[in-house]
């Protein structure tokens, strides 16, 4: 790939999403934008570059950003955070919030929706009385319009439901329709999907009792990461929890957070 082509797309993606594409991501850019080019009837990435330089419409800009920001996800990814949620955090919060009778969750950078639906399944499966009698909200946000459309549809391929989803939950909460599996309406109703760019000022929201912001901050420049962590701190409720990805460091996280370890899961609680 020509340096000017890489620089053009890397700058566009960073300006729009905050995600920094370093030179070692050339292969990723070539693969994802090559697929987009073919979808648009263009020969290759160079042709996409020429088209974008000639006429960068809002739709084409969104398609390019979508292609570069849709990240891998699957049901109950890493498992340990969901075990911690079920065994320790939700029971603790139920005691802590028993007066308000309200719990709010946020899946930031939710991609195609497997993470927030996993949270919803935990609540329905293990805390049905709370779902019935408390105010439970699950907000799921992402920058990718395409990913959000798939998440809202709740339709997943056989390969996608085979990744991380126990067969008992597949049978209980999904119905097979042709080559796809569609999630149960009661689960869909538990999750609200919205488009949101983490690098921009957050809209009025919060406070949240649990925030999952996993495997997205690693793509931002250090200063942008610090800014996002600062904004996350402001929307997490006292004694609320923040989950980062298993490979992500808490560098830039406020001293108001304390590290909590539950089995193999590490998270951060806002304590003062």
Protein backbone atom coordinates (compact mmCIF):
# COMPACT_ATOMS: atom_id res chain seq x y z
CA UNK A 1 0.00 0.00 0.00
CA UNK A 2 1.31 3.44 -0.94
CA UNK A 3 2.21 5.62 2.06
CA UNK A 4 -0.15 8.39 0.95
CA UNK A 5 -3.07 5.93 0.77
CA UNK A 6 -2.39 4.64 4.28
CA UNK A 7 -1.96 8.16 5.65
CA UNK A 8 -5.23 9.33 4.08
CA UNK A 9 -7.34 6.53 5.56
CA UNK A 10 -5.52 6.50 8.91
CA UNK A 11 -6.11 10.25 9.28
CA UNK A 12 -9.77 9.93 8.31
CA UNK A 13 -10.37 7.12 10.82
CA UNK A 14 -8.55 8.97 13.61
CA UNK A 15 -10.37 12.25 12.94
CA UNK A 16 -13.77 10.54 12.93
CA UNK A 17 -13.35 7.92 15.66
CA UNK A 18 -10.22 8.74 17.64
CA UNK A 19 -8.75 5.33 16.79
CA UNK A 20 -5.06 5.53 15.92
CA UNK A 21 -3.94 3.19 13.13
CA UNK A 22 -0.18 2.68 13.37
CA UNK A 23 2.00 1.49 10.50
CA UNK A 24 1.84 -2.11 11.73
CA UNK A 25 -1.91 -2.06 10.94
CA UNK A 26 -1.39 -1.74 7.17
CA UNK A 27 -2.51 -5.36 6.64
CA UNK A 28 -5.70 -4.71 8.65
CA UNK A 29 -6.50 -1.60 6.65
CA UNK A 30 -5.84 -3.41 3.36
CA UNK A 31 -8.04 -6.37 4.28
CA UNK A 32 -10.99 -4.42 5.63
CA UNK A 33 -11.01 -1.63 3.07
CA UNK A 34 -10.35 -4.12 0.28
CA UNK A 35 -13.54 -5.91 1.27
CA UNK A 36 -15.41 -2.60 1.38
CA UNK A 37 -14.07 -1.68 -2.06
CA UNK A 38 -15.37 -4.92 -3.53
CA UNK A 39 -18.76 -4.37 -1.89
CA UNK A 40 -18.92 -0.96 -3.56
CA UNK A 41 -17.96 -2.38 -6.96
CA UNK A 42 -14.46 -0.91 -6.90
CA UNK A 43 -11.37 -2.83 -7.97
CA UNK A 44 -9.21 -2.37 -4.86
CA UNK A 45 -8.17 -0.04 -2.03
CA UNK A 46 -6.42 2.30 -4.46
CA UNK A 47 -9.70 2.75 -6.34
CA UNK A 48 -11.49 3.40 -3.03
CA UNK A 49 -8.84 6.00 -2.20
CA UNK A 50 -9.38 7.78 -5.52
CA UNK A 51 -13.15 7.73 -5.02
CA UNK A 52 -12.82 9.12 -1.47
CA UNK A 53 -10.45 11.86 -2.64
CA UNK A 54 -12.83 12.76 -5.44
CA UNK A 55 -16.10 12.69 -3.51
CA UNK A 56 -16.09 11.79 0.19
CA UNK A 57 -19.82 11.70 0.87
CA UNK A 58 -21.10 11.32 4.46
CA UNK A 59 -22.25 7.77 3.59
CA UNK A 60 -18.86 6.74 2.20
CA UNK A 61 -17.13 8.25 5.22
CA UNK A 62 -19.40 6.22 7.53
CA UNK A 63 -18.72 3.05 5.54
CA UNK A 64 -14.95 3.52 5.81
CA UNK A 65 -15.12 4.19 9.55
CA UNK A 66 -17.49 1.24 10.03
CA UNK A 67 -15.08 -1.05 8.21
CA UNK A 68 -12.17 -0.04 10.44
CA UNK A 69 -13.95 0.12 13.80
CA UNK A 70 -16.05 -3.05 13.89
CA UNK A 71 -14.13 -5.27 16.29
CA UNK A 72 -14.34 -8.94 17.11
CA UNK A 73 -16.82 -9.92 19.78
CA UNK A 74 -18.68 -12.99 20.93
CA UNK A 75 -21.09 -14.12 23.62
CA UNK A 76 -19.66 -14.24 27.16
CA UNK A 77 -16.24 -13.18 25.87
CA UNK A 78 -13.51 -14.16 28.37
CA UNK A 79 -16.23 -15.61 30.64
CA UNK A 80 -14.53 -14.47 33.89
CA UNK A 81 -16.11 -10.96 33.94
CA UNK A 82 -19.55 -12.51 33.50
CA UNK A 83 -18.88 -14.99 36.31
CA UNK A 84 -17.84 -12.07 38.53
CA UNK A 85 -20.99 -10.19 37.56
CA UNK A 86 -23.23 -13.14 38.42
CA UNK A 87 -21.50 -14.42 41.54
CA UNK A 88 -20.28 -11.23 43.23
CA UNK A 89 -21.08 -7.87 41.67
CA UNK A 90 -24.82 -8.08 41.01
CA UNK A 91 -25.53 -9.62 44.47
CA UNK A 92 -23.43 -6.86 46.05
CA UNK A 93 -25.23 -4.15 44.07
CA UNK A 94 -28.64 -5.61 44.90
CA UNK A 95 -27.88 -5.01 48.56
CA UNK A 96 -26.32 -1.60 47.89
CA UNK A 97 -29.23 -0.39 45.69
CA UNK A 98 -32.14 -2.02 47.52
CA UNK A 99 -33.67 1.36 48.33
CA UNK A 100 -33.56 2.67 44.76
CA UNK A 101 -34.46 -0.72 43.22
CA UNK A 102 -32.60 0.28 40.08
CA UNK A 103 -29.60 -1.11 38.21
CA UNK A 104 -28.06 0.40 35.08
CA UNK A 105 -25.48 -1.23 32.81
CA UNK A 106 -23.54 0.25 29.91
CA UNK A 107 -21.81 -1.79 27.22
CA UNK A 108 -19.55 0.77 25.54
CA UNK A 109 -18.22 -0.21 22.09
CA UNK A 110 -20.74 -3.07 22.00
CA UNK A 111 -20.05 -3.95 18.35
CA UNK A 112 -22.71 -6.42 17.12
CA UNK A 113 -24.38 -6.80 20.51
CA UNK A 114 -23.16 -10.08 21.98
CA UNK A 115 -21.86 -8.40 25.15
CA UNK A 116 -25.05 -6.56 26.22
CA UNK A 117 -27.17 -9.58 25.33
CA UNK A 118 -24.87 -11.70 27.51
CA UNK A 119 -25.52 -9.32 30.42
CA UNK A 120 -29.26 -9.55 29.77
CA UNK A 121 -29.11 -13.36 29.81
CA UNK A 122 -27.33 -13.34 33.16
CA UNK A 123 -30.03 -11.12 34.63
CA UNK A 124 -32.91 -13.18 33.24
CA UNK A 125 -31.33 -16.51 34.05
CA UNK A 126 -30.10 -15.82 37.58
CA UNK A 127 -32.03 -12.77 38.84
CA UNK A 128 -35.52 -13.05 37.28
CA UNK A 129 -37.25 -11.58 40.32
CA UNK A 130 -35.12 -8.44 40.03
CA UNK A 131 -35.85 -8.10 36.32
CA UNK A 132 -39.56 -8.32 37.14
CA UNK A 133 -39.61 -5.86 40.05
CA UNK A 134 -36.67 -3.45 39.63
CA UNK A 135 -35.86 -0.82 37.01
CA UNK A 136 -33.20 -2.56 34.91
CA UNK A 137 -31.54 -0.70 32.03
CA UNK A 138 -28.87 -1.92 29.64
CA UNK A 139 -27.47 0.72 27.30
CA UNK A 140 -25.27 -0.50 24.44
CA UNK A 141 -23.38 1.96 22.23
CA UNK A 142 -21.03 1.80 19.28
CA UNK A 143 -19.69 4.10 16.58
CA UNK A 144 -20.51 1.65 13.79
CA UNK A 145 -23.95 2.04 12.22
CA UNK A 146 -23.59 -1.34 10.51
CA UNK A 147 -22.70 -3.12 13.77
CA UNK A 148 -25.62 -1.50 15.58
CA UNK A 149 -28.08 -2.52 12.90
CA UNK A 150 -27.00 -6.13 13.31
CA UNK A 151 -27.16 -5.85 17.11
CA UNK A 152 -30.68 -4.43 16.99
CA UNK A 153 -31.82 -7.23 14.69
CA UNK A 154 -30.60 -9.85 17.16
CA UNK A 155 -29.85 -12.24 14.27
CA UNK A 156 -26.68 -14.32 14.44
CA UNK A 157 -25.14 -17.01 12.28
CA UNK A 158 -24.46 -20.56 13.44
CA UNK A 159 -20.77 -19.69 13.78
CA UNK A 160 -21.57 -16.67 15.96
CA UNK A 161 -23.83 -18.56 18.38
CA UNK A 162 -21.27 -21.36 18.58
CA UNK A 163 -18.72 -18.92 20.01
CA UNK A 164 -19.12 -18.66 23.77
CA UNK A 165 -22.86 -19.32 24.02
CA UNK A 166 -23.83 -22.43 26.04
CA UNK A 167 -26.25 -24.65 24.16
CA UNK A 168 -28.75 -24.42 27.04
CA UNK A 169 -28.97 -20.65 26.59
CA UNK A 170 -29.10 -20.96 22.81
CA UNK A 171 -32.13 -23.24 23.04
CA UNK A 172 -33.80 -21.12 25.71
CA UNK A 173 -33.28 -17.62 24.33
CA UNK A 174 -32.96 -18.07 20.54
CA UNK A 175 -35.13 -19.38 17.73
CA UNK A 176 -33.67 -20.76 14.54
CA UNK A 177 -34.85 -19.05 11.37
CA UNK A 178 -33.27 -20.49 8.27
CA UNK A 179 -29.50 -20.22 8.49
CA UNK A 180 -29.65 -17.79 11.42
CA UNK A 181 -30.66 -17.71 15.06
CA UNK A 182 -32.81 -14.85 16.32
CA UNK A 183 -32.72 -13.70 19.92
CA UNK A 184 -35.87 -13.73 22.04
CA UNK A 185 -37.94 -10.53 22.09
CA UNK A 186 -37.79 -10.26 25.89
CA UNK A 187 -34.01 -10.07 25.66
CA UNK A 188 -34.17 -7.52 22.85
CA UNK A 189 -36.45 -5.31 24.94
CA UNK A 190 -33.92 -5.25 27.78
CA UNK A 191 -31.22 -3.57 25.66
CA UNK A 192 -31.25 -0.06 24.17
CA UNK A 193 -28.80 0.46 21.31
CA UNK A 194 -27.50 3.91 20.41
CA UNK A 195 -24.79 5.30 18.17
CA UNK A 196 -22.02 6.98 20.12
CA UNK A 197 -18.43 8.04 19.53
CA UNK A 198 -16.37 7.60 22.71
CA UNK A 199 -13.87 10.26 21.71
CA UNK A 200 -16.56 12.94 21.75
CA UNK A 201 -18.19 14.55 24.78
CA UNK A 202 -20.72 12.14 26.25
CA UNK A 203 -24.39 13.12 26.02
CA UNK A 204 -26.31 13.44 29.32
CA UNK A 205 -26.24 9.91 30.73
CA UNK A 206 -25.57 7.91 33.85
CA UNK A 207 -25.06 7.13 36.54
CA UNK A 208 -24.27 3.51 35.67
CA UNK A 209 -23.71 0.74 38.17
CA UNK A 210 -21.60 -1.37 35.80
CA UNK A 211 -19.72 -0.24 32.69
CA UNK A 212 -18.09 -2.65 30.25
CA UNK A 213 -15.54 -0.80 28.10
CA UNK A 214 -13.45 -3.68 26.79
CA UNK A 215 -10.99 -4.02 23.93
CA UNK A 216 -11.53 -0.54 22.56
CA UNK A 217 -9.26 1.82 24.53
CA UNK A 218 -6.20 -0.05 23.22
CA UNK A 219 -6.90 1.52 19.81
CA UNK A 220 -6.75 5.12 21.06
CA UNK A 221 -3.76 7.36 21.52
CA UNK A 222 -2.74 7.66 25.23
CA UNK A 223 -4.13 11.18 25.64
CA UNK A 224 -7.48 10.21 24.11
CA UNK A 225 -7.62 7.14 26.36
CA UNK A 226 -7.07 9.32 29.45
CA UNK A 227 -9.84 11.67 28.34
CA UNK A 228 -12.28 8.80 27.83
CA UNK A 229 -11.44 7.27 31.22
CA UNK A 230 -12.05 10.67 32.80
CA UNK A 231 -15.49 10.87 31.19
CA UNK A 232 -16.29 7.29 32.22
CA UNK A 233 -15.50 8.18 35.83
CA UNK A 234 -18.15 10.90 35.74
CA UNK A 235 -20.93 8.54 34.64
CA UNK A 236 -20.22 5.65 37.01
CA UNK A 237 -22.27 5.64 40.21
CA UNK A 238 -20.56 5.55 43.63
CA UNK A 239 -19.47 1.95 44.31
CA UNK A 240 -20.11 1.15 40.64
CA UNK A 241 -17.79 -1.00 38.56
CA UNK A 242 -15.71 -0.60 35.41
CA UNK A 243 -14.52 -3.56 33.33
CA UNK A 244 -11.66 -3.12 30.88
CA UNK A 245 -10.37 -5.81 28.50
CA UNK A 246 -8.25 -8.59 29.97
CA UNK A 247 -5.15 -7.32 28.14
CA UNK A 248 -5.73 -3.62 28.86
CA UNK A 249 -3.92 -1.65 31.54
CA UNK A 250 -5.66 0.89 33.81
CA UNK A 251 -3.07 3.54 32.97
CA UNK A 252 -4.80 6.91 33.23
CA UNK A 253 -7.51 5.64 35.56
CA UNK A 254 -8.35 7.93 38.49
CA UNK A 255 -7.20 7.08 42.01
CA UNK A 256 -10.88 7.10 42.96
CA UNK A 257 -11.01 3.59 41.50
CA UNK A 258 -9.75 0.59 43.43
CA UNK A 259 -8.81 -2.69 41.84
CA UNK A 260 -11.13 -5.59 42.63
CA UNK A 261 -10.33 -9.20 41.76
CA UNK A 262 -13.00 -11.88 41.59
CA UNK A 263 -11.51 -15.21 40.58
CA UNK A 264 -9.87 -14.63 37.20
CA UNK A 265 -11.67 -11.33 36.64
CA UNK A 266 -10.16 -7.93 37.39
CA UNK A 267 -12.30 -4.80 37.52
CA UNK A 268 -12.26 -1.35 39.09
CA UNK A 269 -14.69 0.03 41.65
CA UNK A 270 -15.37 3.71 42.16
CA UNK A 271 -15.13 4.12 45.93
CA UNK A 272 -14.77 7.82 46.80
